[in-house]
Amino acid sequence: MIIVISPSKTLDFSLNHFRKHTQPRQLEQSQELIDRAQQFSPDELAELMNISEKLSQLNWQRYQDFQQPFSLRNAKQALLAFKGDVYAGIAADQYSKEDFDFAQKHLRILSGLYGALRPLDLIQPYRLEMGTRLQNQRGKNLYEFWGAQVTELLNQDLSHESAPILINLASNEYNKVVKPKILNAKILTLAFKENKSGVYKTIGVHAKRARGLMADYLIKNRLTEAEPIKLFNRENYVYNESLSSEKQWVFSR
């Protein structure tokens, strides 16, 4: 089982005392994107990314400061650096060595800049959403830049699984970088809905947190098969068979 989640715009690069770390496996491609992004002025970044002047200045500087090699002096493990709604549901700050070992094997963070990250892969501060229309040598956006590369890396990870399955907890923006036709696994999407006066709706902020809660649940319980996922019951969510299908399981409250 491989679990995929989205990254977060919110980052925390404060000092961390967890020393174990790995290097991103698609850094060569990341450097290509950085080289392209460094050609933009702050004003051009603001227009490209639809962000404020303050954020464009911040991210322009991040691109200028990007440097290899990555170490704990200039980077941080991805699962500890990303914050925000999804990561509020993942208690990574409290993980044991065994939790991190399982997450490292089974959790992947899809990133516009880094491709498919493992939890302990070091990253430097950035903002580059997968949906950004960044013209590059391979096409007009990041989906065309990454092409099949992310899927091929996931296939490498899935090749070690006895029953390969991809648990999709990523947003639509990010899961579109995975190519189902060449993925050597079944894809199971997990969705989360709220009962509002008898109508089940997806509420963005709650769904994001629930994705994190589910990822944390899978890690803490060392799940490697799909069926036990139906027992998930955190924060009043329960498996809703009537709303679910073979390819999408819905949890509601």
C-alpha atoms as a PDB file:
ATOM      1  CA  MET A   1       0.000   0.000   0.000  1.00  0.00           C
ATOM      2  CA  ILE A   2       1.170   3.472  -0.901  1.00  0.00           C
ATOM      3  CA  ILE A   3      -0.719   6.489   0.457  1.00  0.00           C
ATOM      4  CA  VAL A   4      -0.565   9.825  -1.386  1.00  0.00           C
ATOM      5  CA  ILE A   5      -1.404  13.206   0.123  1.00  0.00           C
ATOM      6  CA  SER A   6      -1.031  16.831  -0.970  1.00  0.00           C
ATOM      7  CA  PRO A   7       1.573  19.264   0.367  1.00  0.00           C
ATOM      8  CA  SER A   8       0.701  22.483   2.172  1.00  0.00           C
ATOM      9  CA  LYS A   9       1.308  26.151   1.479  1.00  0.00           C
ATOM     10  CA  THR A  10       1.952  26.641   5.195  1.00  0.00           C
ATOM     11  CA  LEU A  11       5.473  25.674   6.238  1.00  0.00           C
ATOM     12  CA  ASP A  12       7.342  25.404   9.518  1.00  0.00           C
ATOM     13  CA  PHE A  13      11.124  25.526   9.286  1.00  0.00           C
ATOM     14  CA  SER A  14      11.791  26.049  12.977  1.00  0.00           C
ATOM     15  CA  LEU A  15      14.482  23.921  14.609  1.00  0.00           C
ATOM     16  CA  ASN A  16      13.709  20.225  14.788  1.00  0.00           C
ATOM     17  CA  HIS A  17      15.435  17.577  16.839  1.00  0.00           C
ATOM     18  CA  PHE A  18      14.675  14.549  14.687  1.00  0.00           C
ATOM     19  CA  ARG A  19      17.926  13.780  12.929  1.00  0.00           C
ATOM     20  CA  LYS A  20      17.087  10.949  10.538  1.00  0.00           C
ATOM     21  CA  HIS A  21      16.575  12.180   6.984  1.00  0.00           C
ATOM     22  CA  THR A  22      16.781  11.241   3.307  1.00  0.00           C
ATOM     23  CA  GLN A  23      17.278  13.115   0.046  1.00  0.00           C
ATOM     24  CA  PRO A  24      14.418  13.745  -2.430  1.00  0.00           C
ATOM     25  CA  ARG A  25      14.708  11.297  -5.292  1.00  0.00           C
ATOM     26  CA  GLN A  26      13.764  13.780  -8.029  1.00  0.00           C
ATOM     27  CA  LEU A  27      16.057  16.666  -7.089  1.00  0.00           C
ATOM     28  CA  GLU A  28      17.481  16.878 -10.590  1.00  0.00           C
ATOM     29  CA  GLN A  29      14.017  17.747 -11.883  1.00  0.00           C
ATOM     30  CA  SER A  30      13.476  20.133  -8.964  1.00  0.00           C
ATOM     31  CA  GLN A  31      16.613  22.014  -9.933  1.00  0.00           C
ATOM     32  CA  GLU A  32      15.291  22.388 -13.491  1.00  0.00           C
ATOM     33  CA  LEU A  33      12.145  24.026 -12.109  1.00  0.00           C
ATOM     34  CA  ILE A  34      14.145  26.265  -9.773  1.00  0.00           C
ATOM     35  CA  ASP A  35      16.358  27.380 -12.660  1.00  0.00           C
ATOM     36  CA  ARG A  36      13.189  28.319 -14.572  1.00  0.00           C
ATOM     37  CA  ALA A  37      11.550  30.048 -11.609  1.00  0.00           C
ATOM     38  CA  GLN A  38      14.683  32.092 -10.930  1.00  0.00           C
ATOM     39  CA  GLN A  39      14.153  33.822 -14.278  1.00  0.00           C
ATOM     40  CA  PHE A  40      10.989  35.534 -12.978  1.00  0.00           C
ATOM     41  CA  SER A  41      10.865  38.894 -11.227  1.00  0.00           C
ATOM     42  CA  PRO A  42       8.764  39.233  -8.055  1.00  0.00           C
ATOM     43  CA  ASP A  43       6.033  40.992 -10.068  1.00  0.00           C
ATOM     44  CA  GLU A  44       6.003  38.212 -12.659  1.00  0.00           C
ATOM     45  CA  LEU A  45       5.761  35.610  -9.886  1.00  0.00           C
ATOM     46  CA  ALA A  46       2.819  37.475  -8.370  1.00  0.00           C
ATOM     47  CA  GLU A  47       0.979  37.279 -11.687  1.00  0.00           C
ATOM     48  CA  LEU A  48       1.976  33.682 -12.429  1.00  0.00           C
ATOM     49  CA  MET A  49       0.976  32.365  -9.011  1.00  0.00           C
ATOM     50  CA  ASN A  50      -1.854  34.830  -8.302  1.00  0.00           C
ATOM     51  CA  ILE A  51      -0.341  35.864  -4.977  1.00  0.00           C
ATOM     52  CA  SER A  52       0.229  39.143  -3.134  1.00  0.00           C
ATOM     53  CA  GLU A  53       3.302  41.339  -3.488  1.00  0.00           C
ATOM     54  CA  LYS A  54       4.477  40.245  -0.053  1.00  0.00           C
ATOM     55  CA  LEU A  55       4.218  36.550  -0.936  1.00  0.00           C
ATOM     56  CA  SER A  56       5.832  37.063  -4.322  1.00  0.00           C
ATOM     57  CA  GLN A  57       8.838  38.756  -2.688  1.00  0.00           C
ATOM     58  CA  LEU A  58       9.081  35.917  -0.170  1.00  0.00           C
ATOM     59  CA  ASN A  59       8.995  33.207  -2.811  1.00  0.00           C
ATOM     60  CA  TRP A  60      11.309  35.064  -5.187  1.00  0.00           C
ATOM     61  CA  GLN A  61      13.855  35.091  -2.364  1.00  0.00           C
ATOM     62  CA  ARG A  62      13.250  31.394  -1.684  1.00  0.00           C
ATOM     63  CA  TYR A  63      14.060  30.595  -5.300  1.00  0.00           C
ATOM     64  CA  GLN A  64      17.240  32.678  -5.134  1.00  0.00           C
ATOM     65  CA  ASP A  65      18.311  30.977  -1.900  1.00  0.00           C
ATOM     66  CA  PHE A  66      17.695  27.425  -3.133  1.00  0.00           C
ATOM     67  CA  GLN A  67      20.952  25.492  -2.962  1.00  0.00           C
ATOM     68  CA  GLN A  68      22.269  21.977  -2.903  1.00  0.00           C
ATOM     69  CA  PRO A  69      23.324  19.824  -1.177  1.00  0.00           C
ATOM     70  CA  PHE A  70      20.424  19.579   1.268  1.00  0.00           C
ATOM     71  CA  SER A  71      21.301  19.095   4.916  1.00  0.00           C
ATOM     72  CA  LEU A  72      19.658  19.673   8.287  1.00  0.00           C
ATOM     73  CA  ARG A  73      21.337  23.089   8.275  1.00  0.00           C
ATOM     74  CA  ASN A  74      19.401  24.355   5.250  1.00  0.00           C
ATOM     75  CA  ALA A  75      16.414  21.998   4.919  1.00  0.00           C
ATOM     76  CA  LYS A  76      13.873  20.003   6.931  1.00  0.00           C
ATOM     77  CA  GLN A  77      12.084  16.674   6.625  1.00  0.00           C
ATOM     78  CA  ALA A  78       8.936  17.090   4.509  1.00  0.00           C
ATOM     79  CA  LEU A  79       6.470  15.582   6.970  1.00  0.00           C
ATOM     80  CA  LEU A  80       7.733  17.919   9.702  1.00  0.00           C
ATOM     81  CA  ALA A  81       7.975  21.008   7.470  1.00  0.00           C
ATOM     82  CA  PHE A  82       4.468  20.991   5.977  1.00  0.00           C
ATOM     83  CA  LYS A  83       1.691  22.394   8.158  1.00  0.00           C
ATOM     84  CA  GLY A  84      -1.919  23.351   7.451  1.00  0.00           C
ATOM     85  CA  ASP A  85      -5.239  21.503   7.602  1.00  0.00           C
ATOM     86  CA  VAL A  86      -4.113  18.080   6.339  1.00  0.00           C
ATOM     87  CA  TYR A  87      -1.028  18.051   8.538  1.00  0.00           C
ATOM     88  CA  ALA A  88      -3.012  19.167  11.589  1.00  0.00           C
ATOM     89  CA  GLY A  89      -4.535  15.693  11.433  1.00  0.00           C
ATOM     90  CA  ILE A  90      -1.128  13.990  11.360  1.00  0.00           C
ATOM     91  CA  ALA A  91       0.608  13.832  14.742  1.00  0.00           C
ATOM     92  CA  ALA A  92       4.108  13.682  13.191  1.00  0.00           C
ATOM     93  CA  ASP A  93       5.684  15.609  16.087  1.00  0.00           C
ATOM     94  CA  GLN A  94       4.738  12.669  18.325  1.00  0.00           C
ATOM     95  CA  TYR A  95       5.825   9.872  15.976  1.00  0.00           C
ATOM     96  CA  SER A  96       8.090   7.120  17.210  1.00  0.00           C
ATOM     97  CA  LYS A  97      10.956   5.760  15.141  1.00  0.00           C
ATOM     98  CA  GLU A  98       8.664   2.884  14.153  1.00  0.00           C
ATOM     99  CA  ASP A  99       5.951   5.316  13.007  1.00  0.00           C
ATOM    100  CA  PHE A 100       8.439   7.187  10.823  1.00  0.00           C
ATOM    101  CA  ASP A 101       9.808   3.925   9.426  1.00  0.00           C
ATOM    102  CA  PHE A 102       6.327   2.818   8.356  1.00  0.00           C
ATOM    103  CA  ALA A 103       5.456   6.265   6.974  1.00  0.00           C
ATOM    104  CA  GLN A 104       8.735   6.381   5.038  1.00  0.00           C
ATOM    105  CA  LYS A 105       7.821   3.137   3.313  1.00  0.00           C
ATOM    106  CA  HIS A 106       4.120   3.803   2.684  1.00  0.00           C
ATOM    107  CA  LEU A 107       3.403   7.579   2.598  1.00  0.00           C
ATOM    108  CA  ARG A 108       4.146   9.882  -0.338  1.00  0.00           C
ATOM    109  CA  ILE A 109       3.606  13.653  -0.552  1.00  0.00           C
ATOM    110  CA  LEU A 110       2.921  14.876  -4.089  1.00  0.00           C
ATOM    111  CA  SER A 111       4.692  18.173  -4.770  1.00  0.00           C
ATOM    112  CA  GLY A 112       4.808  20.582  -7.683  1.00  0.00           C
ATOM    113  CA  LEU A 113       8.520  21.178  -7.061  1.00  0.00           C
ATOM    114  CA  TYR A 114       9.749  17.855  -5.669  1.00  0.00           C
ATOM    115  CA  GLY A 115       7.557  15.248  -7.398  1.00  0.00           C
ATOM    116  CA  ALA A 116       6.860  12.385  -4.985  1.00  0.00           C
ATOM    117  CA  LEU A 117       8.360  12.976  -1.550  1.00  0.00           C
ATOM    118  CA  ARG A 118       8.933  10.475   1.231  1.00  0.00           C
ATOM    119  CA  PRO A 119       8.223  11.814   4.749  1.00  0.00           C
ATOM    120  CA  LEU A 120      11.905  12.072   5.713  1.00  0.00           C
ATOM    121  CA  ASP A 121      13.055  13.634   2.444  1.00  0.00           C
ATOM    122  CA  LEU A 122      14.598  17.035   3.102  1.00  0.00           C
ATOM    123  CA  ILE A 123      13.005  20.058   1.454  1.00  0.00           C
ATOM    124  CA  GLN A 124      13.785  23.746   1.376  1.00  0.00           C
ATOM    125  CA  PRO A 125      11.047  26.405   1.704  1.00  0.00           C
ATOM    126  CA  TYR A 126       9.066  26.888  -1.500  1.00  0.00           C
ATOM    127  CA  ARG A 127       5.704  27.580  -3.026  1.00  0.00           C
ATOM    128  CA  LEU A 128       4.917  25.984  -6.372  1.00  0.00           C
ATOM    129  CA  GLU A 129       1.461  24.491  -6.625  1.00  0.00           C
ATOM    130  CA  MET A 130       0.907  21.615  -9.026  1.00  0.00           C
ATOM    131  CA  GLY A 131      -1.677  23.617 -10.961  1.00  0.00           C
ATOM    132  CA  THR A 132       0.758  26.474 -11.717  1.00  0.00           C
ATOM    133  CA  ARG A 133       0.972  27.226 -15.440  1.00  0.00           C
ATOM    134  CA  LEU A 134       4.740  27.438 -15.450  1.00  0.00           C
ATOM    135  CA  GLN A 135       6.073  27.298 -19.001  1.00  0.00           C
ATOM    136  CA  ASN A 136       9.003  24.885 -19.122  1.00  0.00           C
ATOM    137  CA  GLN A 137      11.067  22.874 -21.585  1.00  0.00           C
ATOM    138  CA  ARG A 138       8.564  20.000 -21.437  1.00  0.00           C
ATOM    139  CA  GLY A 139       5.326  21.929 -21.794  1.00  0.00           C
ATOM    140  CA  LYS A 140       3.051  24.670 -20.580  1.00  0.00           C
ATOM    141  CA  ASN A 141       2.452  23.522 -16.992  1.00  0.00           C
ATOM    142  CA  LEU A 142       3.736  21.249 -14.237  1.00  0.00           C
ATOM    143  CA  TYR A 143       1.594  18.283 -15.282  1.00  0.00           C
ATOM    144  CA  GLU A 144       3.404  18.300 -18.618  1.00  0.00           C
ATOM    145  CA  PHE A 145       6.748  18.838 -16.885  1.00  0.00           C
ATOM    146  CA  TRP A 146       6.324  15.816 -14.624  1.00  0.00           C
ATOM    147  CA  GLY A 147       4.640  13.694 -17.295  1.00  0.00           C
ATOM    148  CA  ALA A 148       4.932  10.049 -16.237  1.00  0.00           C
ATOM    149  CA  GLN A 149       7.897  10.618 -13.905  1.00  0.00           C
ATOM    150  CA  VAL A 150       5.916  10.718 -10.653  1.00  0.00           C
ATOM    151  CA  THR A 151       3.901   7.645 -11.619  1.00  0.00           C
ATOM    152  CA  GLU A 152       7.049   5.736 -12.545  1.00  0.00           C
ATOM    153  CA  LEU A 153       8.566   6.512  -9.146  1.00  0.00           C
ATOM    154  CA  LEU A 154       5.369   5.358  -7.423  1.00  0.00           C
ATOM    155  CA  ASN A 155       5.560   2.158  -9.469  1.00  0.00           C
ATOM    156  CA  GLN A 156       9.040   1.553  -8.079  1.00  0.00           C
ATOM    157  CA  ASP A 157       7.660   1.889  -4.549  1.00  0.00           C
ATOM    158  CA  LEU A 158       4.637  -0.276  -5.311  1.00  0.00           C
ATOM    159  CA  SER A 159       6.824  -3.028  -6.777  1.00  0.00           C
ATOM    160  CA  HIS A 160       7.784  -3.990  -3.215  1.00  0.00           C
ATOM    161  CA  GLU A 161       4.137  -4.483  -2.202  1.00  0.00           C
ATOM    162  CA  SER A 162       2.557  -7.948  -2.240  1.00  0.00           C
ATOM    163  CA  ALA A 163      -0.893  -6.467  -2.981  1.00  0.00           C
ATOM    164  CA  PRO A 164      -0.206  -3.116  -4.700  1.00  0.00           C
ATOM    165  CA  ILE A 165      -2.847  -0.479  -4.035  1.00  0.00           C
ATOM    166  CA  LEU A 166      -2.647   3.316  -4.070  1.00  0.00           C
ATOM    167  CA  ILE A 167      -4.698   5.027  -1.378  1.00  0.00           C
ATOM    168  CA  ASN A 168      -5.563   8.459  -2.741  1.00  0.00           C
ATOM    169  CA  LEU A 169      -5.869  11.125  -0.049  1.00  0.00           C
ATOM    170  CA  ALA A 170      -4.615  13.925  -2.300  1.00  0.00           C
ATOM    171  CA  SER A 171      -6.678  16.792  -3.692  1.00  0.00           C
ATOM    172  CA  ASN A 172      -7.768  16.758  -7.334  1.00  0.00           C
ATOM    173  CA  GLU A 173      -5.060  19.298  -8.169  1.00  0.00           C
ATOM    174  CA  TYR A 174      -2.357  16.904  -7.027  1.00  0.00           C
ATOM    175  CA  ASN A 175      -3.732  13.464  -7.780  1.00  0.00           C
ATOM    176  CA  LYS A 176      -3.972  14.432 -11.474  1.00  0.00           C
ATOM    177  CA  VAL A 177      -0.186  14.055 -11.717  1.00  0.00           C
ATOM    178  CA  VAL A 178      -0.642  10.288 -11.194  1.00  0.00           C
ATOM    179  CA  LYS A 179      -1.340   8.455 -14.473  1.00  0.00           C
ATOM    180  CA  PRO A 180      -3.801   5.574 -13.804  1.00  0.00           C
ATOM    181  CA  LYS A 181      -3.131   3.913 -17.159  1.00  0.00           C
ATOM    182  CA  ILE A 182       0.503   3.269 -16.335  1.00  0.00           C
ATOM    183  CA  LEU A 183       0.203   2.863 -12.556  1.00  0.00           C
ATOM    184  CA  ASN A 184       0.777  -0.751 -11.591  1.00  0.00           C
ATOM    185  CA  ALA A 185      -1.855  -0.717  -8.867  1.00  0.00           C
ATOM    186  CA  LYS A 186      -5.518  -0.233  -8.127  1.00  0.00           C
ATOM    187  CA  ILE A 187      -6.402   3.309  -6.999  1.00  0.00           C
ATOM    188  CA  LEU A 188      -8.778   3.700  -4.057  1.00  0.00           C
ATOM    189  CA  THR A 189      -9.895   7.248  -3.270  1.00  0.00           C
ATOM    190  CA  LEU A 190     -11.063   8.032   0.257  1.00  0.00           C
ATOM    191  CA  ALA A 191     -13.585  10.888   0.579  1.00  0.00           C
ATOM    192  CA  PHE A 192     -15.092  12.625   3.581  1.00  0.00           C
ATOM    193  CA  LYS A 193     -18.555  14.185   3.775  1.00  0.00           C
ATOM    194  CA  GLU A 194     -20.704  16.019   6.298  1.00  0.00           C
ATOM    195  CA  ASN A 195     -24.421  15.440   6.804  1.00  0.00           C
ATOM    196  CA  LYS A 196     -26.095  18.831   6.416  1.00  0.00           C
ATOM    197  CA  SER A 197     -29.865  18.518   6.953  1.00  0.00           C
ATOM    198  CA  GLY A 198     -29.884  15.087   5.360  1.00  0.00           C
ATOM    199  CA  VAL A 199     -27.619  16.048   2.447  1.00  0.00           C
ATOM    200  CA  TYR A 200     -24.034  14.808   2.414  1.00  0.00           C
ATOM    201  CA  LYS A 201     -21.547  17.470   1.331  1.00  0.00           C
ATOM    202  CA  THR A 202     -17.800  17.790   1.089  1.00  0.00           C
ATOM    203  CA  ILE A 203     -16.673  20.717   3.242  1.00  0.00           C
ATOM    204  CA  GLY A 204     -13.139  21.651   2.175  1.00  0.00           C
ATOM    205  CA  VAL A 205     -11.564  22.483   5.509  1.00  0.00           C
ATOM    206  CA  HIS A 206     -13.064  19.436   7.234  1.00  0.00           C
ATOM    207  CA  ALA A 207     -12.161  17.111   4.359  1.00  0.00           C
ATOM    208  CA  LYS A 208      -8.537  18.269   4.442  1.00  0.00           C
ATOM    209  CA  ARG A 209      -8.224  17.575   8.158  1.00  0.00           C
ATOM    210  CA  ALA A 210      -9.941  14.205   7.708  1.00  0.00           C
ATOM    211  CA  ARG A 211      -7.411  13.208   5.036  1.00  0.00           C
ATOM    212  CA  GLY A 212      -4.669  13.870   7.552  1.00  0.00           C
ATOM    213  CA  LEU A 213      -6.502  11.941  10.257  1.00  0.00           C
ATOM    214  CA  MET A 214      -6.859   8.997   7.886  1.00  0.00           C
ATOM    215  CA  ALA A 215      -3.188   9.064   6.873  1.00  0.00           C
ATOM    216  CA  ASP A 216      -2.240   9.132  10.558  1.00  0.00           C
ATOM    217  CA  TYR A 217      -4.633   6.246  11.258  1.00  0.00           C
ATOM    218  CA  LEU A 218      -3.121   4.119   8.496  1.00  0.00           C
ATOM    219  CA  ILE A 219       0.388   4.818   9.775  1.00  0.00           C
ATOM    220  CA  LYS A 220      -0.343   4.256  13.467  1.00  0.00           C
ATOM    221  CA  ASN A 221      -2.218   1.016  12.762  1.00  0.00           C
ATOM    222  CA  ARG A 222       0.361  -0.218  10.207  1.00  0.00           C
ATOM    223  CA  LEU A 223      -2.340  -0.942   7.635  1.00  0.00           C
ATOM    224  CA  THR A 224      -1.188  -2.474   4.354  1.00  0.00           C
ATOM    225  CA  GLU A 225      -4.544  -3.772   3.051  1.00  0.00           C
ATOM    226  CA  ALA A 226      -7.713  -1.897   2.131  1.00  0.00           C
ATOM    227  CA  GLU A 227     -10.512  -3.701   3.989  1.00  0.00           C
ATOM    228  CA  PRO A 228      -9.470  -2.678   7.560  1.00  0.00           C
ATOM    229  CA  ILE A 229      -9.660   0.981   6.475  1.00  0.00           C
ATOM    230  CA  LYS A 230     -13.444   0.716   6.829  1.00  0.00           C
ATOM    231  CA  LEU A 231     -12.985   0.605  10.617  1.00  0.00           C
ATOM    232  CA  PHE A 232     -11.715   4.218  10.661  1.00  0.00           C
ATOM    233  CA  ASN A 233     -13.792   6.160  13.195  1.00  0.00           C
ATOM    234  CA  ARG A 234     -11.882   9.246  14.259  1.00  0.00           C
ATOM    235  CA  GLU A 235     -13.755  12.468  15.064  1.00  0.00           C
ATOM    236  CA  ASN A 236     -17.115  10.749  14.438  1.00  0.00           C
ATOM    237  CA  TYR A 237     -16.423   9.711  10.835  1.00  0.00           C
ATOM    238  CA  VAL A 238     -17.718   6.267   9.853  1.00  0.00           C
ATOM    239  CA  TYR A 239     -17.640   4.287   6.629  1.00  0.00           C
ATOM    240  CA  ASN A 240     -20.779   5.012   4.605  1.00  0.00           C
ATOM    241  CA  GLU A 241     -21.479   2.024   2.381  1.00  0.00           C
ATOM    242  CA  SER A 242     -24.465   3.627   0.635  1.00  0.00           C
ATOM    243  CA  LEU A 243     -22.329   6.542  -0.612  1.00  0.00           C
ATOM    244  CA  SER A 244     -19.319   4.401  -1.533  1.00  0.00           C
ATOM    245  CA  SER A 245     -18.308   2.642  -4.730  1.00  0.00           C
ATOM    246  CA  GLU A 246     -15.573   0.212  -5.684  1.00  0.00           C
ATOM    247  CA  LYS A 247     -13.162   3.051  -6.522  1.00  0.00           C
ATOM    248  CA  GLN A 248     -14.202   5.559  -3.869  1.00  0.00           C
ATOM    249  CA  TRP A 249     -14.953   4.861  -0.230  1.00  0.00           C
ATOM    250  CA  VAL A 250     -16.843   7.609   1.598  1.00  0.00           C
ATOM    251  CA  PHE A 251     -16.647   8.322   5.304  1.00  0.00           C
ATOM    252  CA  SER A 252     -19.333  10.574   6.716  1.00  0.00           C
ATOM    253  CA  ARG A 253     -20.471  12.191   9.929  1.00  0.00           C
END
